[in-house]
Amino acid sequence: TDIPDERGYLPVSVKEIDEFSPHSGAILEVRTPRDLEIVKKLYANGVLLGDKSPVGWNIRYATEFHMTNDSGEFRTEQWLSEHGGYKVAPNRWKAGPEEYVPLYEGKMVQAYDHRAASVVVNPENLHRPAQPEPATDGQRSDSSWLPSPQYWVSASAVDDRGRHTWVVAFKDVTAPINMRTMIAAIVPEAGYGNTLPTLVASDGGIAARDLAALLANLNSFALDYCARLKVQGQHLNWYIVEQLPLIARERFAEPLGAGTVSDLIRREVLRLSYTAHDLAPFARDLGHDGPPFAWDAEDRRHRMARLDALFFRLYGLDRDDAAYVLGTFPIVQEADERAFGRYRTRDLVLGYMNALAAGDVDSVIAA
């Protein structure tokens, strides 16, 4: 009532604030009635990631190694070599009785890609000496190639923090103005720095298929759109992530095509993630005993678009809603227009929405 001119203001009720941010009471950065309408659909068709109820995900969040507090446990490759160390596997050193595994950081991964970058240290850069060196297509095409970390940590220290043969992890450092805000990947058995928080089942009772679906949900444009309305700084903190609306697990059993939603997600996430031998345990948990899948950028573009189309549908968003949401990712659009002369990601997603509506989970959209 103290606002002299209501033009340009968007009213949001206390009830809606409680619905969107029940733990923190944070107000989303919605700018138009359309934004508010879409957010309502996302929450109406989702459950909070941090929900511990029977219908919730029952997920545990962890940051295993703090890059400052735990730095005394970190070893460089030079240190390992000088102390008689030698490689016993592509991602494992041995020095004396101790074995060492890589310390993964957020800068090393991208969506569905645990081999996105090595970490290169430039001592002349006093403020940010460790920088990512993006993997080349040639490196990604070699299923034996693995990125080089900045540090290695003892396997026994990893054991003390709870070992997993693979985990779902996401990049902590982000911003709502980046190309993407929520970026997640399956990462292999390793140490994980605090810039790469992990999400694991609280009671160990979540099937690998559901964790693959969690990954696909986190990487969807629909969820990312919501995350961008919540992030106001440069970190994707747990209090933000736990209040994001995720599709409930039971919905993955819904029929789609000749199978289920879960079948489609499993197929796509497996092929997008399993590009190197170090994720063989993940592949086996999804029922695949074969070799890694070849890296194919064009094929990956289609598989990710199909998954995005699926999650738009699961959230109850139509083609107009999807087109609006995709229009809020200007850097993605600009990159597409430079590469293809048009917003190809949007065209593919909308095309796959039509295909899924027809029950077609196999055709490749000509766009």
Protein backbone atom coordinates (compact mmCIF):
# COMPACT_ATOMS: atom_id res chain seq x y z
CA THR A 1 0.00 0.00 0.00
CA ASP A 2 3.00 2.30 0.34
CA ILE A 3 3.85 1.92 -3.36
CA PRO A 4 2.59 5.13 -5.03
CA ASP A 5 2.38 3.68 -8.53
CA GLU A 6 1.70 0.00 -9.01
CA ARG A 7 2.65 0.00 -12.69
CA GLY A 8 5.78 -2.07 -13.17
CA TYR A 9 5.32 -4.05 -9.98
CA LEU A 10 4.43 -7.73 -9.80
CA PRO A 11 2.51 -8.77 -6.68
CA VAL A 12 3.62 -12.06 -5.11
CA SER A 13 1.64 -13.37 -2.13
CA VAL A 14 3.13 -14.61 1.12
CA LYS A 15 1.52 -17.97 0.36
CA GLU A 16 3.43 -18.16 -2.93
CA ILE A 17 6.70 -17.21 -1.23
CA ASP A 18 6.14 -20.02 1.27
CA GLU A 19 5.38 -22.43 -1.56
CA PHE A 20 8.48 -21.56 -3.58
CA SER A 21 10.91 -21.13 -0.67
CA PRO A 22 9.42 -22.82 2.41
CA HIS A 23 12.72 -23.02 4.31
CA SER A 24 14.28 -19.64 3.57
CA GLY A 25 11.36 -17.43 2.59
CA ALA A 26 13.44 -16.06 -0.27
CA ILE A 27 11.64 -14.09 -2.97
CA LEU A 28 12.24 -15.27 -6.53
CA GLU A 29 13.52 -12.76 -9.07
CA VAL A 30 10.35 -12.98 -11.18
CA ARG A 31 9.89 -10.04 -13.53
CA THR A 32 6.69 -10.77 -15.42
CA PRO A 33 3.35 -12.47 -14.76
CA ARG A 34 4.47 -15.14 -17.23
CA ASP A 35 7.45 -15.96 -15.03
CA LEU A 36 5.20 -16.37 -12.03
CA GLU A 37 2.77 -18.54 -13.99
CA ILE A 38 5.56 -20.89 -15.12
CA VAL A 39 7.09 -21.12 -11.64
CA LYS A 40 3.69 -22.10 -10.27
CA LYS A 41 3.51 -24.94 -12.80
CA LEU A 42 7.02 -26.13 -11.89
CA TYR A 43 6.16 -26.34 -8.19
CA ALA A 44 2.69 -27.77 -8.79
CA ASN A 45 4.24 -30.67 -10.71
CA GLY A 46 7.31 -31.22 -8.55
CA VAL A 47 8.51 -32.08 -5.06
CA LEU A 48 11.32 -30.34 -3.20
CA LEU A 49 14.68 -32.02 -3.65
CA GLY A 50 15.32 -31.74 0.09
CA ASP A 51 11.97 -33.31 1.00
CA LYS A 52 12.53 -36.26 3.37
CA SER A 53 8.92 -37.49 3.21
CA PRO A 54 7.99 -40.81 1.52
CA VAL A 55 7.25 -38.95 -1.72
CA GLY A 56 10.47 -36.93 -1.55
CA TRP A 57 13.91 -37.71 -2.89
CA ASN A 58 15.58 -38.35 0.49
CA ILE A 59 18.88 -37.03 -0.84
CA ARG A 60 21.97 -36.27 1.22
CA TYR A 61 24.15 -33.30 0.26
CA ALA A 62 27.88 -33.40 0.97
CA THR A 63 31.00 -31.35 0.38
CA GLU A 64 33.83 -33.75 1.07
CA PHE A 65 37.12 -31.86 0.85
CA HIS A 66 37.27 -28.15 1.62
CA MET A 67 39.78 -26.53 -0.71
CA THR A 68 41.19 -24.40 2.14
CA ASN A 69 40.63 -26.31 5.37
CA ASP A 70 41.72 -29.67 3.93
CA SER A 71 44.60 -28.40 1.81
CA GLY A 72 47.09 -30.23 4.02
CA GLU A 73 45.79 -33.50 2.57
CA PHE A 74 46.32 -32.48 -1.06
CA ARG A 75 49.28 -33.76 -3.09
CA THR A 76 50.49 -32.58 -6.47
CA GLU A 77 51.74 -34.90 -9.18
CA GLN A 78 55.22 -33.46 -8.65
CA TRP A 79 55.07 -34.29 -4.94
CA LEU A 80 53.97 -37.84 -5.67
CA SER A 81 56.78 -38.32 -8.17
CA GLU A 82 59.40 -36.89 -5.80
CA HIS A 83 58.22 -39.25 -3.04
CA GLY A 84 58.65 -42.38 -5.11
CA GLY A 85 55.14 -42.41 -6.48
CA TYR A 86 54.05 -44.14 -9.67
CA LYS A 87 50.78 -44.59 -11.55
CA VAL A 88 49.02 -47.91 -11.05
CA ALA A 89 45.93 -46.92 -13.09
CA PRO A 90 44.96 -43.96 -15.29
CA ASN A 91 43.40 -42.23 -12.29
CA ARG A 92 45.39 -43.68 -9.40
CA TRP A 93 48.89 -43.19 -7.97
CA LYS A 94 50.74 -45.19 -5.36
CA ALA A 95 53.41 -43.73 -3.10
CA GLY A 96 54.69 -46.02 -0.37
CA PRO A 97 51.78 -47.97 1.15
CA GLU A 98 49.24 -45.30 0.22
CA GLU A 99 47.20 -44.98 -2.95
CA TYR A 100 46.00 -41.62 -4.26
CA VAL A 101 42.92 -40.70 -6.31
CA PRO A 102 42.15 -37.45 -8.16
CA LEU A 103 40.48 -34.54 -6.41
CA TYR A 104 37.65 -33.43 -8.67
CA GLU A 105 36.74 -29.73 -8.67
CA GLY A 106 33.73 -27.99 -10.17
CA LYS A 107 35.82 -26.47 -12.96
CA MET A 108 36.55 -29.98 -14.32
CA VAL A 109 32.97 -30.92 -15.26
CA GLN A 110 30.15 -29.82 -17.53
CA ALA A 111 26.65 -31.22 -18.06
CA TYR A 112 26.87 -35.02 -18.47
CA ASP A 113 30.64 -34.64 -18.88
CA HIS A 114 33.12 -35.57 -16.13
CA ARG A 115 36.03 -34.99 -18.52
CA ALA A 116 35.30 -31.40 -19.50
CA ALA A 117 38.63 -29.91 -18.42
CA SER A 118 41.98 -30.53 -16.81
CA VAL A 119 43.32 -28.09 -14.23
CA VAL A 120 46.48 -26.22 -15.22
CA VAL A 121 48.43 -24.19 -12.67
CA ASN A 122 50.05 -20.91 -13.71
CA PRO A 123 52.11 -19.67 -10.72
CA GLU A 124 52.41 -16.22 -12.31
CA ASN A 125 48.66 -15.74 -11.86
CA LEU A 126 48.70 -14.78 -8.19
CA HIS A 127 44.94 -14.49 -7.75
CA ARG A 128 43.70 -17.50 -9.76
CA PRO A 129 46.67 -19.77 -10.52
CA ALA A 130 44.61 -22.91 -11.18
CA GLN A 131 42.57 -22.60 -14.37
CA PRO A 132 40.58 -25.13 -16.41
CA GLU A 133 42.01 -26.28 -19.73
CA PRO A 134 39.03 -27.49 -21.79
CA ALA A 135 39.25 -30.98 -23.24
CA THR A 136 39.53 -31.23 -27.01
CA ASP A 137 37.21 -33.32 -29.14
CA GLY A 138 40.17 -35.59 -29.83
CA GLN A 139 40.73 -36.19 -26.12
CA ARG A 140 37.05 -36.82 -25.50
CA SER A 141 37.00 -39.29 -28.39
CA ASP A 142 39.60 -41.39 -26.54
CA SER A 143 37.66 -43.39 -23.94
CA SER A 144 40.93 -43.94 -22.02
CA TRP A 145 41.71 -40.23 -21.68
CA LEU A 146 41.07 -38.66 -18.28
CA PRO A 147 41.51 -35.04 -17.19
CA SER A 148 44.47 -34.07 -15.02
CA PRO A 149 43.46 -32.70 -11.61
CA GLN A 150 45.29 -30.04 -9.67
CA TYR A 151 45.57 -32.30 -6.63
CA TRP A 152 45.45 -35.93 -5.54
CA VAL A 153 44.19 -37.21 -2.17
CA SER A 154 44.81 -40.46 -0.36
CA ALA A 155 42.28 -43.20 -0.93
CA SER A 156 42.10 -43.77 2.82
CA ALA A 157 41.01 -40.16 3.35
CA VAL A 158 38.27 -40.68 0.77
CA ASP A 159 37.21 -43.85 2.59
CA ASP A 160 36.82 -41.87 5.81
CA ARG A 161 34.31 -39.56 4.12
CA GLY A 162 32.18 -42.29 2.54
CA ARG A 163 33.28 -43.93 -0.69
CA HIS A 164 31.05 -44.42 -3.71
CA THR A 165 31.99 -45.92 -7.07
CA TRP A 166 30.17 -42.97 -8.69
CA VAL A 167 28.07 -40.02 -7.59
CA VAL A 168 25.84 -37.27 -8.94
CA ALA A 169 27.63 -33.94 -8.47
CA PHE A 170 27.01 -30.33 -9.48
CA LYS A 171 29.06 -27.17 -9.89
CA ASP A 172 28.81 -24.89 -6.86
CA VAL A 173 30.32 -21.78 -8.49
CA THR A 174 27.77 -20.28 -10.85
CA ALA A 175 25.71 -17.20 -11.66
CA PRO A 176 22.25 -16.50 -13.07
CA ILE A 177 23.85 -14.70 -16.03
CA ASN A 178 26.03 -17.66 -17.08
CA MET A 179 25.23 -19.83 -20.09
CA ARG A 180 23.75 -22.35 -17.63
CA THR A 181 23.30 -22.03 -13.87
CA MET A 182 22.78 -25.65 -12.74
CA ILE A 183 25.39 -27.98 -14.23
CA ALA A 184 25.57 -31.59 -13.05
CA ALA A 185 27.41 -34.77 -14.02
CA ILE A 186 28.14 -38.32 -12.93
CA VAL A 187 31.69 -38.38 -11.56
CA PRO A 188 33.75 -41.50 -10.80
CA GLU A 189 35.21 -42.72 -7.53
CA ALA A 190 37.52 -39.93 -6.35
CA GLY A 191 37.85 -37.12 -3.87
CA TYR A 192 35.47 -34.21 -4.40
CA GLY A 193 36.30 -30.62 -3.53
CA ASN A 194 33.73 -28.29 -2.01
CA THR A 195 33.23 -26.62 -5.41
CA LEU A 196 31.71 -29.93 -6.57
CA PRO A 197 29.06 -30.95 -3.99
CA THR A 198 27.68 -34.47 -4.27
CA LEU A 199 24.13 -35.80 -3.97
CA VAL A 200 23.72 -39.36 -2.70
CA ALA A 201 20.83 -41.39 -1.32
CA SER A 202 20.45 -40.76 2.41
CA ASP A 203 19.65 -44.41 3.09
CA GLY A 204 21.25 -46.00 0.03
CA GLY A 205 17.81 -46.97 -1.18
CA ILE A 206 17.61 -44.99 -4.43
CA ALA A 207 18.06 -47.09 -7.55
CA ALA A 208 20.71 -46.19 -10.12
CA ARG A 209 17.94 -45.50 -12.64
CA ASP A 210 16.42 -42.90 -10.34
CA LEU A 211 19.80 -41.24 -9.74
CA ALA A 212 20.24 -41.07 -13.53
CA ALA A 213 16.83 -39.40 -13.67
CA LEU A 214 17.92 -36.99 -10.94
CA LEU A 215 20.90 -36.02 -13.08
CA ALA A 216 18.70 -35.45 -16.13
CA ASN A 217 16.28 -33.40 -14.06
CA LEU A 218 19.07 -31.20 -12.66
CA ASN A 219 20.44 -30.56 -16.16
CA SER A 220 17.04 -29.71 -17.67
CA PHE A 221 16.32 -26.20 -18.91
CA ALA A 222 13.05 -26.27 -16.94
CA LEU A 223 14.82 -26.71 -13.59
CA ASP A 224 17.66 -24.38 -14.56
CA TYR A 225 15.11 -21.66 -15.31
CA CYS A 226 13.84 -21.95 -11.73
CA ALA A 227 17.35 -22.02 -10.29
CA ARG A 228 18.22 -18.79 -12.11
CA LEU A 229 15.30 -17.06 -10.42
CA LYS A 230 16.68 -18.06 -7.02
CA VAL A 231 20.44 -17.57 -7.34
CA GLN A 232 21.47 -14.03 -6.45
CA GLY A 233 25.19 -14.54 -5.94
CA GLN A 234 27.92 -16.78 -7.34
CA HIS A 235 27.21 -19.99 -5.45
CA LEU A 236 24.55 -22.66 -5.81
CA ASN A 237 24.17 -23.21 -2.08
CA TRP A 238 22.32 -26.19 -0.64
CA TYR A 239 19.58 -24.00 0.84
CA ILE A 240 18.76 -23.03 -2.76
CA VAL A 241 19.14 -26.49 -4.27
CA GLU A 242 17.05 -28.26 -1.64
CA GLN A 243 14.11 -25.97 -2.40
CA LEU A 244 14.13 -26.62 -6.16
CA PRO A 245 11.14 -28.55 -7.55
CA LEU A 246 12.13 -32.02 -8.79
CA ILE A 247 9.88 -34.48 -10.56
CA ALA A 248 8.72 -37.12 -8.06
CA ARG A 249 10.38 -40.51 -8.53
CA GLU A 250 7.14 -42.42 -9.01
CA ARG A 251 6.43 -40.47 -12.19
CA PHE A 252 9.36 -42.12 -13.95
CA ALA A 253 7.26 -45.28 -14.09
CA GLU A 254 4.71 -43.55 -16.35
CA PRO A 255 4.33 -45.19 -19.79
CA LEU A 256 6.05 -43.54 -22.75
CA GLY A 257 6.29 -45.08 -26.18
CA ALA A 258 6.80 -48.82 -25.86
CA GLY A 259 8.38 -48.42 -22.41
CA THR A 260 8.44 -45.95 -19.54
CA VAL A 261 9.82 -42.50 -18.82
CA SER A 262 12.57 -44.22 -16.83
CA ASP A 263 13.56 -46.33 -19.83
CA LEU A 264 14.07 -43.28 -22.00
CA ILE A 265 16.04 -41.40 -19.34
CA ARG A 266 18.25 -44.41 -18.65
CA ARG A 267 19.08 -44.78 -22.34
CA GLU A 268 19.98 -41.13 -22.85
CA VAL A 269 21.86 -40.52 -19.59
CA LEU A 270 23.88 -43.70 -20.05
CA ARG A 271 25.04 -42.64 -23.51
CA LEU A 272 25.69 -39.05 -22.50
CA SER A 273 27.66 -39.94 -19.36
CA TYR A 274 29.47 -43.20 -20.10
CA THR A 275 32.16 -41.95 -22.46
CA ALA A 276 35.19 -43.25 -20.53
CA HIS A 277 36.20 -46.48 -18.81
CA ASP A 278 36.32 -44.93 -15.34
CA LEU A 279 32.50 -44.79 -15.28
CA ALA A 280 32.13 -48.51 -15.97
CA PRO A 281 30.65 -49.04 -12.44
CA PHE A 282 27.91 -46.53 -13.27
CA ALA A 283 27.19 -48.28 -16.57
CA ARG A 284 27.02 -51.67 -14.85
CA ASP A 285 24.60 -50.32 -12.25
CA LEU A 286 22.37 -49.30 -15.16
CA GLY A 287 22.62 -52.80 -16.64
CA HIS A 288 25.19 -52.06 -19.35
CA ASP A 289 28.33 -54.24 -19.52
CA GLY A 290 29.67 -53.00 -22.83
CA PRO A 291 32.41 -50.47 -23.68
CA PRO A 292 32.00 -46.70 -23.33
CA PHE A 293 29.99 -44.87 -25.97
CA ALA A 294 31.83 -42.80 -28.55
CA TRP A 295 31.83 -39.04 -28.08
CA ASP A 296 29.63 -37.52 -30.78
CA ALA A 297 28.77 -33.84 -30.30
CA GLU A 298 25.85 -33.87 -32.74
CA ASP A 299 24.35 -37.02 -31.24
CA ARG A 300 24.69 -35.53 -27.74
CA ARG A 301 22.90 -32.38 -28.84
CA HIS A 302 19.89 -34.45 -29.88
CA ARG A 303 19.85 -36.63 -26.76
CA MET A 304 19.98 -33.60 -24.45
CA ALA A 305 17.21 -31.89 -26.44
CA ARG A 306 15.05 -35.02 -26.13
CA LEU A 307 15.58 -35.04 -22.35
CA ASP A 308 14.77 -31.32 -22.12
CA ALA A 309 11.57 -31.90 -24.08
CA LEU A 310 10.66 -34.74 -21.72
CA PHE A 311 11.09 -32.64 -18.59
CA PHE A 312 9.14 -29.72 -20.01
CA ARG A 313 6.29 -32.21 -20.47
CA LEU A 314 6.71 -33.72 -16.99
CA TYR A 315 6.50 -30.24 -15.47
CA GLY A 316 3.25 -29.59 -17.34
CA LEU A 317 4.73 -26.91 -19.61
CA ASP A 318 3.49 -26.64 -23.19
CA ARG A 319 5.42 -25.60 -26.30
CA ASP A 320 4.75 -21.89 -25.73
CA ASP A 321 6.00 -22.17 -22.15
CA ALA A 322 9.09 -24.07 -23.32
CA ALA A 323 9.84 -21.47 -26.00
CA TYR A 324 9.53 -18.72 -23.39
CA VAL A 325 11.84 -20.51 -20.94
CA LEU A 326 14.44 -21.17 -23.63
CA GLY A 327 14.27 -17.49 -24.56
CA THR A 328 15.61 -16.64 -21.09
CA PHE A 329 18.97 -18.26 -21.89
CA PRO A 330 20.51 -15.58 -24.15
CA ILE A 331 24.06 -16.96 -24.13
CA VAL A 332 22.82 -20.35 -25.34
CA GLN A 333 20.86 -18.59 -28.07
CA GLU A 334 23.81 -16.41 -29.11
CA ALA A 335 26.13 -19.43 -29.28
CA ASP A 336 23.63 -21.28 -31.47
CA GLU A 337 23.15 -18.31 -33.78
CA ARG A 338 26.91 -17.99 -34.26
CA ALA A 339 27.28 -21.71 -34.98
CA PHE A 340 24.06 -22.44 -36.92
CA GLY A 341 22.55 -19.08 -37.84
CA ARG A 342 19.48 -19.78 -35.68
CA TYR A 343 18.45 -20.87 -32.19
CA ARG A 344 18.82 -24.57 -32.95
CA THR A 345 18.56 -25.77 -29.33
CA ARG A 346 15.08 -24.27 -29.10
CA ASP A 347 14.04 -25.76 -32.43
CA LEU A 348 15.25 -29.23 -31.43
CA VAL A 349 13.56 -29.16 -28.02
CA LEU A 350 10.23 -28.03 -29.48
CA GLY A 351 10.50 -30.68 -32.21
CA TYR A 352 11.15 -33.41 -29.65
CA MET A 353 8.18 -32.20 -27.59
CA ASN A 354 5.99 -32.98 -30.60
CA ALA A 355 7.65 -36.37 -31.06
CA LEU A 356 7.16 -37.34 -27.41
CA ALA A 357 3.56 -36.19 -27.54
CA ALA A 358 3.11 -38.73 -30.35
CA GLY A 359 4.80 -41.43 -28.25
CA ASP A 360 7.88 -41.43 -30.48
CA VAL A 361 11.04 -41.80 -28.41
CA ASP A 362 13.36 -42.95 -31.20
CA SER A 363 13.10 -40.62 -34.21
CA VAL A 364 15.82 -38.03 -34.73
CA ILE A 365 14.42 -34.56 -35.38
CA ALA A 366 15.61 -32.95 -38.61
CA ALA A 367 16.41 -29.52 -37.27
